Amino acid sequence: MVNLIGTYECKADAKGRLMVSSAFKKQLLPLLQEGFVLKRAVFQPCLELYPMQEWNLVMQKINKLNRFVKKNNDFIRRFTAGVKIVEMDASGRILIPKDLCQFANIKKQVVLSSAINIIEIWDKDQYEKVIDEATVDFADLAEEVMGNSDIDELS
C-alpha cells in the first residue's frame, strides 16, 4: 500500500500540464512504470490521482458489486465518470484533460495534497476555502472519527 506524505503548491500551464513537486516525484518513483488514474473526487470539487496499484485495489472492491442492482450500477457509472489514465512525462508533468480541469476549476495555481494513498489535486483558492471551512469542525470530526476507537482497531 502506498503512503504518500505532503501538501505542495504548483502551477498548471494553459494546456493543463501540471508540474509535480520533486518531493512527490520521489515518493512516486517506484510507481511511474504502472501509470496513474485521474478522476473526479466524490465529495469535493477536486481531482484524485491514484497510483495504478491503488486504483486496482478500489476496482477489486467495485467489481464485487452486483450490477443488476440499480443503485450499484448508478454508483459505478458516477464513480468512473471522467476517469482517465495518465502518465508522468520525463519532466515530471501530468496532463490534466480539459473536462477534469473544468470540474475542479483548475486554472493556474494548484495544490497537490496527499490523502494517504492518493493525491488530491485542487485549485488553490478552492483548497484554501475548504480547509478554512473545515477548521471550525475539525476537532469534533477528529473526536467522532478517531476518539471512540482503540489504536489496535485501526491496524
N, C-alpha and C. Protein backbone atom coordinates (compact mmCIF):
# COMPACT_ATOMS: atom_id res chain seq x y z
N MET A 1 0.84 -1.19 0.00
CA MET A 1 0.00 0.00 0.00
C MET A 1 0.88 1.25 0.00
N VAL A 2 0.47 2.21 -0.77
CA VAL A 2 1.19 3.47 -0.88
C VAL A 2 0.83 4.37 0.30
N ASN A 3 1.82 5.09 0.82
CA ASN A 3 1.58 6.04 1.90
C ASN A 3 2.27 7.34 1.53
N LEU A 4 1.53 8.23 0.87
CA LEU A 4 2.08 9.49 0.39
C LEU A 4 2.01 10.55 1.48
N ILE A 5 2.98 11.46 1.47
CA ILE A 5 3.07 12.48 2.51
C ILE A 5 3.32 13.84 1.88
N GLY A 6 2.53 14.84 2.29
CA GLY A 6 2.83 16.21 1.92
C GLY A 6 1.71 16.96 1.23
N THR A 7 1.84 18.28 1.26
CA THR A 7 0.96 19.20 0.53
C THR A 7 1.88 20.22 -0.14
N TYR A 8 1.73 20.36 -1.46
CA TYR A 8 2.64 21.21 -2.22
C TYR A 8 1.87 22.06 -3.20
N GLU A 9 2.35 23.28 -3.41
CA GLU A 9 1.76 24.16 -4.40
C GLU A 9 2.55 24.04 -5.70
N CYS A 10 1.82 24.15 -6.81
CA CYS A 10 2.47 24.14 -8.11
C CYS A 10 1.60 24.92 -9.09
N LYS A 11 1.99 24.94 -10.36
CA LYS A 11 1.26 25.68 -11.37
C LYS A 11 0.87 24.76 -12.51
N ALA A 12 -0.29 25.07 -13.08
CA ALA A 12 -0.72 24.40 -14.30
C ALA A 12 -0.54 25.39 -15.44
N ASP A 13 -0.11 24.90 -16.60
CA ASP A 13 0.00 25.80 -17.74
C ASP A 13 -1.31 25.83 -18.51
N ALA A 14 -1.36 26.59 -19.59
CA ALA A 14 -2.59 26.79 -20.35
C ALA A 14 -3.11 25.49 -20.97
N LYS A 15 -2.24 24.52 -21.18
CA LYS A 15 -2.65 23.23 -21.76
C LYS A 15 -3.09 22.23 -20.70
N GLY A 16 -3.02 22.62 -19.42
CA GLY A 16 -3.41 21.71 -18.34
C GLY A 16 -2.29 20.82 -17.86
N ARG A 17 -1.07 21.13 -18.23
CA ARG A 17 0.07 20.35 -17.74
C ARG A 17 0.46 20.85 -16.35
N LEU A 18 0.64 19.91 -15.48
CA LEU A 18 0.91 20.20 -14.08
C LEU A 18 2.27 19.65 -13.71
N MET A 19 3.14 20.51 -13.19
CA MET A 19 4.46 20.05 -12.76
C MET A 19 4.35 19.49 -11.35
N VAL A 20 4.62 18.21 -11.19
CA VAL A 20 4.54 17.55 -9.89
C VAL A 20 5.78 17.93 -9.09
N SER A 21 5.58 18.25 -7.81
CA SER A 21 6.71 18.66 -6.95
C SER A 21 7.74 17.54 -6.86
N SER A 22 8.99 17.94 -6.66
CA SER A 22 10.06 16.94 -6.59
C SER A 22 9.86 16.00 -5.40
N ALA A 23 9.26 16.49 -4.32
CA ALA A 23 9.02 15.63 -3.15
C ALA A 23 8.02 14.51 -3.50
N PHE A 24 6.97 14.83 -4.23
CA PHE A 24 6.02 13.80 -4.66
C PHE A 24 6.66 12.90 -5.72
N LYS A 25 7.45 13.48 -6.61
CA LYS A 25 8.10 12.66 -7.65
C LYS A 25 8.93 11.56 -7.01
N LYS A 26 9.69 11.91 -5.96
CA LYS A 26 10.50 10.90 -5.27
C LYS A 26 9.63 9.79 -4.70
N GLN A 27 8.51 10.18 -4.09
CA GLN A 27 7.61 9.18 -3.49
C GLN A 27 6.94 8.31 -4.57
N LEU A 28 6.71 8.88 -5.73
CA LEU A 28 6.01 8.17 -6.80
C LEU A 28 6.94 7.40 -7.72
N LEU A 29 8.23 7.60 -7.58
CA LEU A 29 9.21 6.98 -8.47
C LEU A 29 8.98 5.48 -8.68
N PRO A 30 8.78 4.69 -7.60
CA PRO A 30 8.58 3.25 -7.82
C PRO A 30 7.28 2.91 -8.57
N LEU A 31 6.38 3.89 -8.71
CA LEU A 31 5.06 3.64 -9.30
C LEU A 31 4.94 4.17 -10.73
N LEU A 32 5.96 4.85 -11.22
CA LEU A 32 5.87 5.53 -12.51
C LEU A 32 5.59 4.58 -13.67
N GLN A 33 6.18 3.40 -13.64
CA GLN A 33 6.02 2.45 -14.75
C GLN A 33 4.56 2.06 -14.97
N GLU A 34 3.81 1.91 -13.87
CA GLU A 34 2.43 1.44 -13.97
C GLU A 34 1.47 2.54 -14.41
N GLY A 35 1.83 3.80 -14.20
CA GLY A 35 0.96 4.90 -14.54
C GLY A 35 -0.03 5.22 -13.44
N PHE A 36 -0.97 6.11 -13.75
CA PHE A 36 -1.90 6.63 -12.76
C PHE A 36 -3.29 6.74 -13.35
N VAL A 37 -4.27 6.82 -12.48
CA VAL A 37 -5.65 7.08 -12.88
C VAL A 37 -6.05 8.40 -12.25
N LEU A 38 -6.65 9.27 -13.06
CA LEU A 38 -7.11 10.57 -12.60
C LEU A 38 -8.62 10.60 -12.70
N LYS A 39 -9.28 11.03 -11.61
CA LYS A 39 -10.74 11.04 -11.61
C LYS A 39 -11.28 12.18 -10.78
N ARG A 40 -12.57 12.44 -10.95
CA ARG A 40 -13.27 13.42 -10.13
C ARG A 40 -13.41 12.87 -8.72
N ALA A 41 -13.27 13.73 -7.73
CA ALA A 41 -13.49 13.31 -6.35
C ALA A 41 -14.99 13.13 -6.12
N VAL A 42 -15.34 12.31 -5.17
CA VAL A 42 -16.74 12.04 -4.86
C VAL A 42 -17.35 13.16 -4.03
N PHE A 43 -16.63 13.65 -3.02
CA PHE A 43 -17.20 14.57 -2.05
C PHE A 43 -16.79 16.02 -2.21
N GLN A 44 -15.74 16.29 -2.98
CA GLN A 44 -15.22 17.65 -3.09
C GLN A 44 -14.97 18.02 -4.55
N PRO A 45 -14.90 19.31 -4.86
CA PRO A 45 -14.61 19.74 -6.23
C PRO A 45 -13.11 19.72 -6.53
N CYS A 46 -12.54 18.55 -6.44
CA CYS A 46 -11.12 18.38 -6.73
C CYS A 46 -10.95 17.08 -7.52
N LEU A 47 -9.71 16.82 -7.90
CA LEU A 47 -9.40 15.59 -8.63
C LEU A 47 -8.61 14.66 -7.73
N GLU A 48 -8.65 13.38 -8.04
CA GLU A 48 -7.90 12.39 -7.29
C GLU A 48 -6.98 11.64 -8.25
N LEU A 49 -5.70 11.60 -7.89
CA LEU A 49 -4.70 10.89 -8.68
C LEU A 49 -4.35 9.59 -7.95
N TYR A 50 -4.72 8.49 -8.56
CA TYR A 50 -4.47 7.17 -7.98
C TYR A 50 -3.27 6.52 -8.65
N PRO A 51 -2.28 6.07 -7.88
CA PRO A 51 -1.30 5.18 -8.49
C PRO A 51 -2.06 3.93 -8.98
N MET A 52 -1.65 3.36 -10.09
CA MET A 52 -2.39 2.25 -10.69
C MET A 52 -2.65 1.11 -9.71
N GLN A 53 -1.69 0.78 -8.86
CA GLN A 53 -1.91 -0.32 -7.91
C GLN A 53 -3.02 0.01 -6.92
N GLU A 54 -3.15 1.27 -6.53
CA GLU A 54 -4.23 1.67 -5.62
C GLU A 54 -5.58 1.65 -6.36
N TRP A 55 -5.57 2.09 -7.61
CA TRP A 55 -6.79 2.05 -8.41
C TRP A 55 -7.29 0.61 -8.56
N ASN A 56 -6.35 -0.30 -8.81
CA ASN A 56 -6.73 -1.71 -8.98
C ASN A 56 -7.36 -2.27 -7.71
N LEU A 57 -6.89 -1.85 -6.53
CA LEU A 57 -7.49 -2.30 -5.27
C LEU A 57 -8.93 -1.79 -5.14
N VAL A 58 -9.16 -0.54 -5.51
CA VAL A 58 -10.51 0.02 -5.47
C VAL A 58 -11.40 -0.72 -6.46
N MET A 59 -10.88 -0.99 -7.65
CA MET A 59 -11.67 -1.69 -8.67
C MET A 59 -12.03 -3.11 -8.24
N GLN A 60 -11.15 -3.76 -7.48
CA GLN A 60 -11.48 -5.10 -6.97
C GLN A 60 -12.72 -5.05 -6.10
N LYS A 61 -12.81 -4.02 -5.25
CA LYS A 61 -14.00 -3.86 -4.40
C LYS A 61 -15.23 -3.55 -5.24
N ILE A 62 -15.09 -2.66 -6.19
CA ILE A 62 -16.23 -2.25 -7.01
C ILE A 62 -16.72 -3.41 -7.89
N ASN A 63 -15.79 -4.23 -8.36
CA ASN A 63 -16.17 -5.36 -9.20
C ASN A 63 -16.99 -6.41 -8.46
N LYS A 64 -17.01 -6.35 -7.16
CA LYS A 64 -17.81 -7.28 -6.37
C LYS A 64 -19.27 -6.85 -6.26
N LEU A 65 -19.57 -5.61 -6.68
CA LEU A 65 -20.94 -5.12 -6.62
C LEU A 65 -21.80 -5.81 -7.68
N ASN A 66 -23.02 -6.12 -7.32
CA ASN A 66 -23.97 -6.73 -8.23
C ASN A 66 -24.51 -5.66 -9.17
N ARG A 67 -24.21 -5.76 -10.44
CA ARG A 67 -24.63 -4.73 -11.41
C ARG A 67 -26.10 -4.84 -11.78
N PHE A 68 -26.79 -5.86 -11.28
CA PHE A 68 -28.22 -5.96 -11.52
C PHE A 68 -29.02 -5.28 -10.41
N VAL A 69 -28.29 -4.60 -9.51
CA VAL A 69 -28.92 -3.74 -8.52
C VAL A 69 -28.70 -2.32 -9.03
N LYS A 70 -29.80 -1.60 -9.30
CA LYS A 70 -29.73 -0.30 -9.96
C LYS A 70 -28.80 0.68 -9.25
N LYS A 71 -28.89 0.77 -7.91
CA LYS A 71 -28.04 1.75 -7.22
C LYS A 71 -26.56 1.40 -7.37
N ASN A 72 -26.24 0.12 -7.44
CA ASN A 72 -24.84 -0.27 -7.67
C ASN A 72 -24.38 0.18 -9.05
N ASN A 73 -25.22 -0.06 -10.04
CA ASN A 73 -24.89 0.33 -11.41
C ASN A 73 -24.77 1.86 -11.52
N ASP A 74 -25.66 2.58 -10.87
CA ASP A 74 -25.60 4.05 -10.87
C ASP A 74 -24.32 4.53 -10.20
N PHE A 75 -23.97 3.90 -9.08
CA PHE A 75 -22.73 4.27 -8.38
C PHE A 75 -21.52 4.05 -9.27
N ILE A 76 -21.43 2.90 -9.91
CA ILE A 76 -20.28 2.58 -10.76
C ILE A 76 -20.16 3.62 -11.87
N ARG A 77 -21.28 3.96 -12.50
CA ARG A 77 -21.26 4.95 -13.59
C ARG A 77 -20.76 6.30 -13.09
N ARG A 78 -21.28 6.75 -11.96
CA ARG A 78 -20.88 8.06 -11.43
C ARG A 78 -19.44 8.04 -10.93
N PHE A 79 -19.04 6.95 -10.27
CA PHE A 79 -17.68 6.85 -9.72
C PHE A 79 -16.64 6.88 -10.82
N THR A 80 -16.94 6.25 -11.95
CA THR A 80 -15.95 6.16 -13.03
C THR A 80 -16.14 7.23 -14.10
N ALA A 81 -17.09 8.14 -13.91
CA ALA A 81 -17.31 9.22 -14.90
C ALA A 81 -16.05 10.08 -15.03
N GLY A 82 -15.59 10.24 -16.23
CA GLY A 82 -14.45 11.12 -16.48
C GLY A 82 -13.09 10.53 -16.13
N VAL A 83 -13.04 9.26 -15.78
CA VAL A 83 -11.78 8.62 -15.39
C VAL A 83 -10.82 8.59 -16.58
N LYS A 84 -9.56 8.94 -16.32
CA LYS A 84 -8.54 8.94 -17.36
C LYS A 84 -7.28 8.27 -16.84
N ILE A 85 -6.60 7.54 -17.72
CA ILE A 85 -5.27 7.03 -17.41
C ILE A 85 -4.28 8.11 -17.80
N VAL A 86 -3.38 8.47 -16.90
CA VAL A 86 -2.38 9.50 -17.17
C VAL A 86 -1.00 8.98 -16.80
N GLU A 87 -0.01 9.59 -17.41
CA GLU A 87 1.39 9.25 -17.12
C GLU A 87 2.14 10.52 -16.79
N MET A 88 3.21 10.35 -16.06
CA MET A 88 4.10 11.48 -15.78
C MET A 88 5.18 11.47 -16.85
N ASP A 89 5.38 12.62 -17.52
CA ASP A 89 6.40 12.67 -18.56
C ASP A 89 7.80 12.79 -17.94
N ALA A 90 8.81 12.81 -18.79
CA ALA A 90 10.20 12.85 -18.33
C ALA A 90 10.50 14.09 -17.51
N SER A 91 9.74 15.17 -17.73
CA SER A 91 9.95 16.41 -16.98
C SER A 91 9.20 16.43 -15.66
N GLY A 92 8.43 15.37 -15.37
CA GLY A 92 7.67 15.32 -14.13
C GLY A 92 6.32 16.00 -14.21
N ARG A 93 5.77 16.10 -15.44
CA ARG A 93 4.48 16.74 -15.62
C ARG A 93 3.39 15.70 -15.89
N ILE A 94 2.19 16.06 -15.46
CA ILE A 94 0.99 15.26 -15.75
C ILE A 94 0.04 16.17 -16.52
N LEU A 95 -0.55 15.64 -17.59
CA LEU A 95 -1.51 16.40 -18.37
C LEU A 95 -2.91 16.13 -17.81
N ILE A 96 -3.56 17.21 -17.36
CA ILE A 96 -4.93 17.09 -16.86
C ILE A 96 -5.87 17.43 -18.02
N PRO A 97 -6.71 16.48 -18.42
CA PRO A 97 -7.64 16.75 -19.52
C PRO A 97 -8.57 17.92 -19.19
N LYS A 98 -9.01 18.61 -20.24
CA LYS A 98 -9.82 19.83 -20.08
C LYS A 98 -11.09 19.60 -19.27
N ASP A 99 -11.79 18.47 -19.49
CA ASP A 99 -13.03 18.23 -18.76
C ASP A 99 -12.78 18.11 -17.26
N LEU A 100 -11.65 17.53 -16.88
CA LEU A 100 -11.33 17.41 -15.46
C LEU A 100 -10.86 18.75 -14.89
N CYS A 101 -10.14 19.54 -15.68
CA CYS A 101 -9.76 20.89 -15.24
C CYS A 101 -11.01 21.71 -14.95
N GLN A 102 -12.00 21.58 -15.82
CA GLN A 102 -13.25 22.33 -15.63
C GLN A 102 -13.97 21.86 -14.38
N PHE A 103 -14.05 20.54 -14.16
CA PHE A 103 -14.73 20.02 -12.98
C PHE A 103 -14.14 20.59 -11.71
N ALA A 104 -12.80 20.62 -11.61
CA ALA A 104 -12.12 21.07 -10.40
C ALA A 104 -11.79 22.56 -10.43
N ASN A 105 -12.21 23.26 -11.48
CA ASN A 105 -11.98 24.69 -11.61
C ASN A 105 -10.48 25.03 -11.55
N ILE A 106 -9.67 24.15 -12.12
CA ILE A 106 -8.22 24.35 -12.09
C ILE A 106 -7.82 25.32 -13.19
N LYS A 107 -7.14 26.38 -12.76
CA LYS A 107 -6.69 27.40 -13.71
C LYS A 107 -5.17 27.43 -13.72
N LYS A 108 -4.57 28.09 -12.75
CA LYS A 108 -3.11 28.23 -12.75
C LYS A 108 -2.49 27.75 -11.43
N GLN A 109 -2.93 28.31 -10.31
CA GLN A 109 -2.38 27.96 -9.01
C GLN A 109 -3.05 26.67 -8.51
N VAL A 110 -2.25 25.67 -8.20
CA VAL A 110 -2.75 24.34 -7.86
C VAL A 110 -2.12 23.87 -6.56
N VAL A 111 -2.88 23.09 -5.80
CA VAL A 111 -2.36 22.43 -4.59
C VAL A 111 -2.46 20.93 -4.80
N LEU A 112 -1.34 20.24 -4.55
CA LEU A 112 -1.32 18.78 -4.53
C LEU A 112 -1.26 18.38 -3.07
N SER A 113 -2.22 17.59 -2.64
CA SER A 113 -2.30 17.23 -1.23
C SER A 113 -2.44 15.72 -1.09
N SER A 114 -1.57 15.11 -0.28
CA SER A 114 -1.67 13.67 -0.08
C SER A 114 -2.92 13.35 0.73
N ALA A 115 -3.56 12.28 0.34
CA ALA A 115 -4.70 11.75 1.08
C ALA A 115 -4.42 10.26 1.27
N ILE A 116 -3.38 10.00 2.02
CA ILE A 116 -2.82 8.69 2.33
C ILE A 116 -2.30 7.99 1.08
N ASN A 117 -3.17 7.33 0.31
CA ASN A 117 -2.71 6.52 -0.81
C ASN A 117 -2.99 7.15 -2.18
N ILE A 118 -3.55 8.36 -2.19
CA ILE A 118 -3.80 9.09 -3.43
C ILE A 118 -3.37 10.54 -3.25
N ILE A 119 -3.36 11.28 -4.35
CA ILE A 119 -3.06 12.71 -4.29
C ILE A 119 -4.30 13.46 -4.77
N GLU A 120 -4.75 14.41 -3.94
CA GLU A 120 -5.84 15.29 -4.36
C GLU A 120 -5.23 16.47 -5.10
N ILE A 121 -5.87 16.87 -6.19
CA ILE A 121 -5.42 17.99 -7.00
C ILE A 121 -6.51 19.06 -6.94
N TRP A 122 -6.14 20.22 -6.37
CA TRP A 122 -7.10 21.29 -6.09
C TRP A 122 -6.70 22.59 -6.78
N ASP A 123 -7.69 23.38 -7.17
CA ASP A 123 -7.46 24.79 -7.43
C ASP A 123 -7.07 25.40 -6.08
N LYS A 124 -6.02 26.20 -6.05
CA LYS A 124 -5.51 26.71 -4.76
C LYS A 124 -6.56 27.47 -3.96
N ASP A 125 -7.30 28.36 -4.58
CA ASP A 125 -8.31 29.14 -3.85
C ASP A 125 -9.38 28.22 -3.25
N GLN A 126 -9.81 27.23 -4.03
CA GLN A 126 -10.83 26.31 -3.56
C GLN A 126 -10.30 25.48 -2.38
N TYR A 127 -9.05 25.05 -2.47
CA TYR A 127 -8.43 24.27 -1.38
C TYR A 127 -8.39 25.09 -0.09
N GLU A 128 -7.93 26.34 -0.20
CA GLU A 128 -7.84 27.20 0.99
C GLU A 128 -9.22 27.41 1.60
N LYS A 129 -10.22 27.59 0.77
CA LYS A 129 -11.58 27.80 1.25
C LYS A 129 -12.08 26.56 2.01
N VAL A 130 -11.88 25.38 1.44
CA VAL A 130 -12.34 24.14 2.09
C VAL A 130 -11.59 23.91 3.40
N ILE A 131 -10.29 24.16 3.42
CA ILE A 131 -9.51 23.98 4.65
C ILE A 131 -9.97 24.96 5.72
N ASP A 132 -10.20 26.22 5.34
CA ASP A 132 -10.67 27.22 6.31
C ASP A 132 -12.03 26.85 6.88
N GLU A 133 -12.94 26.38 6.03
CA GLU A 133 -14.27 25.99 6.49
C GLU A 133 -14.20 24.78 7.42
N ALA A 134 -13.31 23.88 7.14
CA ALA A 134 -13.21 22.64 7.92
C ALA A 134 -12.53 22.86 9.27
N THR A 135 -11.78 23.94 9.43
CA THR A 135 -11.05 24.19 10.67
C THR A 135 -11.98 24.23 11.88
N VAL A 136 -13.11 24.86 11.73
CA VAL A 136 -14.05 25.01 12.84
C VAL A 136 -14.56 23.66 13.32
N ASP A 137 -14.84 22.76 12.39
CA ASP A 137 -15.44 21.47 12.74
C ASP A 137 -14.42 20.36 12.95
N PHE A 138 -13.14 20.62 12.73
CA PHE A 138 -12.17 19.54 12.73
C PHE A 138 -12.03 18.85 14.08
N ALA A 139 -12.05 19.59 15.17
CA ALA A 139 -11.92 18.97 16.49
C ALA A 139 -13.06 17.97 16.73
N ASP A 140 -14.28 18.38 16.41
CA ASP A 140 -15.42 17.47 16.57
C ASP A 140 -15.30 16.27 15.64
N LEU A 141 -14.89 16.51 14.41
CA LEU A 141 -14.72 15.43 13.46
C LEU A 141 -13.65 14.45 13.92
N ALA A 142 -12.53 14.97 14.39
CA ALA A 142 -11.44 14.11 14.88
C ALA A 142 -11.92 13.25 16.04
N GLU A 143 -12.65 13.84 16.95
CA GLU A 143 -13.15 13.08 18.09
C GLU A 143 -14.12 11.99 17.63
N GLU A 144 -15.02 12.34 16.72
CA GLU A 144 -16.01 11.39 16.26
C GLU A 144 -15.37 10.23 15.49
N VAL A 145 -14.42 10.55 14.63
CA VAL A 145 -13.81 9.52 13.79
C VAL A 145 -12.76 8.70 14.55
N MET A 146 -11.93 9.36 15.32
CA MET A 146 -10.79 8.68 15.95
C MET A 146 -10.93 8.47 17.45
N GLY A 147 -11.81 9.22 18.11
CA GLY A 147 -11.86 9.22 19.56
C GLY A 147 -12.47 8.00 20.20
N ASN A 148 -13.34 7.31 19.50
CA ASN A 148 -14.03 6.16 20.10
C ASN A 148 -13.45 4.83 19.70
N SER A 149 -12.24 4.82 19.22
CA SER A 149 -11.64 3.55 18.83
C SER A 149 -10.28 3.37 19.49
N ASP A 150 -9.96 2.13 19.75
CA ASP A 150 -8.63 1.83 20.25
C ASP A 150 -7.65 1.87 19.10
N ILE A 151 -6.42 2.20 19.40
CA ILE A 151 -5.40 2.25 18.35
C ILE A 151 -5.24 0.87 17.71
N ASP A 152 -5.38 -0.19 18.48
CA ASP A 152 -5.23 -1.54 17.94
C ASP A 152 -6.28 -1.82 16.86
N GLU A 153 -7.47 -1.24 16.99
CA GLU A 153 -8.53 -1.47 16.00
C GLU A 153 -8.17 -0.85 14.66
N LEU A 154 -7.34 0.17 14.65
CA LEU A 154 -7.00 0.85 13.41
C LEU A 154 -5.96 0.10 12.61
N SER A 155 -5.26 -0.85 13.21
CA SER A 155 -4.23 -1.55 12.45
C SER A 155 -4.78 -2.74 11.72
